[in-house]
Protein backbone atom coordinates (compact mmCIF):
# COMPACT_ATOMS: atom_id res chain seq x y z
CA UNK A 1 21.53 -58.12 -33.42
CA UNK A 2 22.46 -54.95 -34.64
CA UNK A 3 20.12 -53.37 -33.91
CA UNK A 4 20.12 -53.96 -29.85
CA UNK A 5 19.95 -50.82 -28.14
CA UNK A 6 23.29 -51.65 -25.78
CA UNK A 7 23.33 -54.18 -22.45
CA UNK A 8 23.82 -51.51 -20.08
CA UNK A 9 19.92 -49.40 -21.99
CA UNK A 10 18.75 -52.97 -21.44
CA UNK A 11 19.11 -53.42 -18.06
CA UNK A 12 17.84 -50.28 -17.50
CA UNK A 13 14.67 -50.77 -19.15
CA UNK A 14 13.90 -54.37 -17.87
CA UNK A 15 14.89 -52.69 -14.28
CA UNK A 16 12.59 -50.19 -15.47
CA UNK A 17 10.02 -52.57 -16.18
CA UNK A 18 9.98 -54.69 -12.62
CA UNK A 19 9.59 -51.83 -10.51
CA UNK A 20 6.22 -50.70 -12.53
CA UNK A 21 5.24 -54.89 -12.49
CA UNK A 22 5.29 -54.22 -8.54
CA UNK A 23 3.50 -51.40 -8.46
CA UNK A 24 6.61 -49.84 -7.02
CA UNK A 25 8.04 -45.84 -7.59
CA UNK A 26 9.74 -45.28 -10.49
CA UNK A 27 12.88 -42.06 -9.29
CA UNK A 28 16.79 -42.25 -10.10
CA UNK A 29 16.62 -43.07 -6.39
CA UNK A 30 15.30 -46.41 -7.09
CA UNK A 31 16.67 -47.02 -10.32
CA UNK A 32 20.30 -47.19 -8.62
CA UNK A 33 19.32 -49.09 -5.65
CA UNK A 34 18.05 -52.00 -8.56
CA UNK A 35 20.59 -51.59 -11.06
CA UNK A 36 23.25 -51.33 -7.39
CA UNK A 37 25.31 -48.30 -9.38
CA UNK A 38 25.00 -44.56 -8.13
CA UNK A 39 21.99 -41.89 -8.49
CA UNK A 40 24.03 -39.92 -10.35
CA UNK A 41 24.83 -42.74 -12.52
CA UNK A 42 20.84 -43.60 -12.61
CA UNK A 43 20.21 -40.21 -13.64
CA UNK A 44 22.81 -40.13 -16.50
CA UNK A 45 21.36 -42.95 -17.96
CA UNK A 46 17.81 -41.84 -17.47
CA UNK A 47 18.43 -38.57 -19.54
CA UNK A 48 19.83 -40.51 -22.15
CA UNK A 49 16.86 -42.59 -22.57
CA UNK A 50 14.93 -39.90 -22.16
CA UNK A 51 16.38 -38.17 -24.95
CA UNK A 52 16.41 -41.82 -26.89
CA UNK A 53 12.64 -41.49 -26.59
CA UNK A 54 12.22 -44.70 -24.46
CA UNK A 55 11.02 -43.03 -21.68
CA UNK A 56 9.63 -39.49 -19.66
CA UNK A 57 9.40 -37.46 -16.59
CA UNK A 58 5.88 -37.04 -15.93
CA UNK A 59 4.99 -34.90 -13.29
CA UNK A 60 4.45 -36.41 -9.69
CA UNK A 61 4.64 -39.45 -11.26
CA UNK A 62 8.21 -40.29 -11.86
CA UNK A 63 9.74 -42.28 -15.09
CA UNK A 64 7.33 -43.54 -17.27
CA UNK A 65 8.27 -46.48 -20.25
CA UNK A 66 6.54 -44.89 -23.62
CA UNK A 67 5.37 -47.43 -26.38
CA UNK A 68 8.60 -47.18 -27.72
CA UNK A 69 10.96 -48.19 -23.72
CA UNK A 70 7.79 -50.49 -23.20
CA UNK A 71 8.09 -52.96 -26.49
CA UNK A 72 11.82 -52.80 -25.96
CA UNK A 73 11.68 -54.01 -21.92
CA UNK A 74 9.06 -56.31 -23.42
CA UNK A 75 12.19 -57.87 -25.90
CA UNK A 76 14.38 -57.43 -23.31
CA UNK A 77 12.27 -59.98 -20.48
CA UNK A 78 11.07 -62.37 -23.64
CA UNK A 79 14.66 -63.26 -23.89
CA UNK A 80 15.64 -63.02 -19.85
CA UNK A 81 12.45 -65.82 -19.11
CA UNK A 82 12.97 -67.82 -21.84
CA UNK A 83 16.08 -68.44 -20.86
CA UNK A 84 15.50 -69.00 -17.48
CA UNK A 85 12.79 -71.13 -18.51
CA UNK A 86 15.69 -73.60 -20.48
CA UNK A 87 17.96 -73.77 -18.01
CA UNK A 88 15.76 -74.56 -16.11
CA UNK A 89 14.08 -77.66 -18.08
CA UNK A 90 16.34 -78.98 -20.34
CA UNK A 91 19.87 -78.43 -18.41
CA UNK A 92 18.89 -79.17 -15.03
CA UNK A 93 19.06 -75.74 -12.52
CA UNK A 94 17.21 -74.81 -9.71
CA UNK A 95 14.87 -72.02 -10.04
CA UNK A 96 17.27 -69.95 -7.32
CA UNK A 97 20.50 -70.21 -10.11
CA UNK A 98 18.69 -69.02 -13.14
CA UNK A 99 18.62 -65.61 -12.57
CA UNK A 100 22.12 -64.68 -12.53
CA UNK A 101 23.36 -66.66 -15.35
CA UNK A 102 19.73 -65.18 -17.79
CA UNK A 103 21.51 -61.93 -16.83
CA UNK A 104 24.45 -62.36 -18.97
CA UNK A 105 22.74 -64.37 -22.10
CA UNK A 106 20.00 -62.13 -22.31
CA UNK A 107 22.35 -59.84 -23.95
CA UNK A 108 24.78 -62.16 -26.71
CA UNK A 109 21.57 -65.17 -27.16
CA UNK A 110 20.26 -64.21 -31.28
CA UNK A 111 16.97 -63.91 -31.92
CA UNK A 112 17.49 -66.96 -34.43
CA UNK A 113 18.06 -69.01 -30.19
CA UNK A 114 15.20 -67.55 -28.70
CA UNK A 115 12.98 -68.90 -31.13
CA UNK A 116 14.24 -72.11 -31.23
CA UNK A 117 13.95 -72.01 -27.43
CA UNK A 118 10.74 -71.10 -27.13
CA UNK A 119 9.91 -73.84 -29.62
CA UNK A 120 11.69 -76.26 -28.45
CA UNK A 121 9.35 -75.38 -25.17
CA UNK A 122 6.32 -74.94 -26.61
CA UNK A 123 6.01 -71.09 -26.25
CA UNK A 124 5.59 -70.81 -22.32
CA UNK A 125 3.62 -67.89 -21.26
CA UNK A 126 5.40 -68.58 -18.06
CA UNK A 127 9.43 -68.85 -16.45
CA UNK A 128 10.15 -70.65 -13.49
CA UNK A 129 8.91 -67.82 -11.61
CA UNK A 130 5.75 -67.20 -12.70
CA UNK A 131 6.93 -64.62 -14.52
CA UNK A 132 4.80 -63.80 -17.60
CA UNK A 133 7.02 -64.16 -20.97
CA UNK A 134 5.58 -61.48 -23.19
CA UNK A 135 5.36 -63.02 -26.97
CA UNK A 136 7.10 -62.17 -30.53
CA UNK A 137 4.16 -59.20 -30.37
CA UNK A 138 4.62 -58.14 -26.82
CA UNK A 139 1.15 -58.98 -25.53
CA UNK A 140 1.30 -60.31 -22.50
CA UNK A 141 -0.37 -62.58 -20.19
CA UNK A 142 -1.43 -61.55 -17.57
CA UNK A 143 -3.36 -63.00 -14.25
CA UNK A 144 -4.84 -62.06 -11.56
CA UNK A 145 -3.64 -61.76 -8.40
CA UNK A 146 -3.09 -60.69 -5.07
CA UNK A 147 0.17 -60.78 -2.93
CA UNK A 148 0.65 -63.27 -0.16
CA UNK A 149 1.28 -60.02 2.01
CA UNK A 150 -2.48 -58.89 1.29
CA UNK A 151 -4.79 -62.19 2.13
CA UNK A 152 -6.97 -62.21 5.27
CA UNK A 153 -6.95 -65.72 7.00
CA UNK A 154 -9.06 -68.16 5.41
CA UNK A 155 -8.59 -67.06 2.26
CA UNK A 156 -7.42 -69.98 0.02
CA UNK A 157 -5.61 -70.04 -3.45
CA UNK A 158 -2.57 -71.43 -5.28
CA UNK A 159 0.70 -69.72 -5.55
CA UNK A 160 2.09 -68.83 -9.21
CA UNK A 161 4.64 -66.32 -9.44
CA UNK A 162 7.81 -65.28 -6.95
CA UNK A 163 8.85 -61.89 -6.79
CA UNK A 164 11.88 -62.21 -5.52
CA UNK A 165 14.97 -63.76 -7.57
CA UNK A 166 17.37 -63.44 -4.36
CA UNK A 167 18.44 -66.61 -4.77
CA UNK A 168 18.37 -67.35 -0.98
CA UNK A 169 14.94 -66.64 -0.69
CA UNK A 170 14.44 -69.33 -3.29
CA UNK A 171 16.61 -71.93 -1.65
CA UNK A 172 14.38 -71.20 1.75
CA UNK A 173 11.25 -72.00 -0.30
CA UNK A 174 12.44 -74.89 -2.10
CA UNK A 175 14.16 -76.27 1.37
CA UNK A 176 10.32 -76.22 2.76
CA UNK A 177 8.37 -77.48 -0.45
CA UNK A 178 6.97 -74.52 -1.18
CA UNK A 179 6.59 -74.11 -5.22
CA UNK A 180 4.59 -72.96 -8.06
CA UNK A 181 0.82 -74.56 -8.53
CA UNK A 182 0.74 -75.25 -4.55
CA UNK A 183 -2.86 -74.59 -2.98
CA UNK A 184 -2.10 -72.13 -0.38
CA UNK A 185 -4.33 -71.39 3.02
CA UNK A 186 -4.22 -68.19 5.10
CA UNK A 187 -4.74 -69.44 9.04
CA UNK A 188 -3.54 -66.76 10.76
CA UNK A 189 -1.96 -63.46 10.12
CA UNK A 190 -0.12 -63.09 13.33
CA UNK A 191 0.06 -58.87 15.34
CA UNK A 192 2.06 -56.66 15.74
CA UNK A 193 4.31 -57.63 12.49
CA UNK A 194 4.22 -60.93 13.15
CA UNK A 195 4.36 -63.75 10.37
CA UNK A 196 1.57 -65.07 8.23
CA UNK A 197 0.88 -68.39 9.36
CA UNK A 198 -0.18 -70.68 6.19
CA UNK A 199 -1.12 -74.38 4.87
CA UNK A 200 1.07 -75.32 1.77
CA UNK A 201 0.24 -78.82 -0.18
CA UNK A 202 -3.10 -80.38 -0.02
CA UNK A 203 -5.79 -79.72 2.33
CA UNK A 204 -5.51 -83.80 3.56
CA UNK A 205 -1.31 -83.13 4.22
CA UNK A 206 -0.72 -79.56 3.51
CA UNK A 207 2.15 -78.53 5.77
CA UNK A 208 1.71 -75.47 8.21
CA UNK A 209 4.75 -72.57 7.81
CA UNK A 210 4.79 -69.02 9.29
CA UNK A 211 6.09 -67.26 6.95
CA UNK A 212 7.59 -63.81 7.18
CA UNK A 213 6.44 -60.05 5.53
CA UNK A 214 9.60 -60.21 3.19
CA UNK A 215 8.23 -63.42 1.75
CA UNK A 216 4.62 -63.27 2.28
CA UNK A 217 5.55 -59.82 0.18
CA UNK A 218 7.70 -61.76 -2.16
CA UNK A 219 4.48 -64.27 -2.99
CA UNK A 220 1.49 -63.87 -5.82
CA UNK A 221 -1.09 -66.18 -5.26
CA UNK A 222 -3.76 -66.65 -7.44
CA UNK A 223 -7.55 -67.24 -4.83
CA UNK A 224 -9.70 -70.02 -5.29
């Protein structure tokens, strides 16, 4: 732990990586919004990260992680996502409760404890939200997925990831028994920005739901 960066640097690295995962532009403004800090604070930290060789400004593309930065970000994500997995699997937390807990714990757990957690859980490759858990060497198991919001009517697949950590959104899904591993079929895309109508669950007993854009953009699906 003595070799670790400060918690604020780790938070920024995880935030940058998260924006990259979503394919969103990484700018001082987007970082400030994600971390709920002022744009000037974000700008100052990005300068510091650049001086430490963790990020680089790429013309017309914004802020990008260097190889060292990517490795650091994935090590933080490994801790965060393993902690979330342990809280759900062993301590009875629900998936809407774990993100804020992991935010606090990821900076203080030892590497030994993290690896004990991984061994206890059987070295999982996905956390309770379907996010990939980086391996010790920083490698990540990627899945070929599509956002529900991008799928045409008639598409059938399996929900494999929830991109949003908003507790209210996660509780909304849980209250409607929509979770990872569920079969999902796109029945209809209503026009003029209307909801996506889907059937969730085994074909013979699937429940019909009308999901708004925010949820449709938070669910990743592997197609069958």
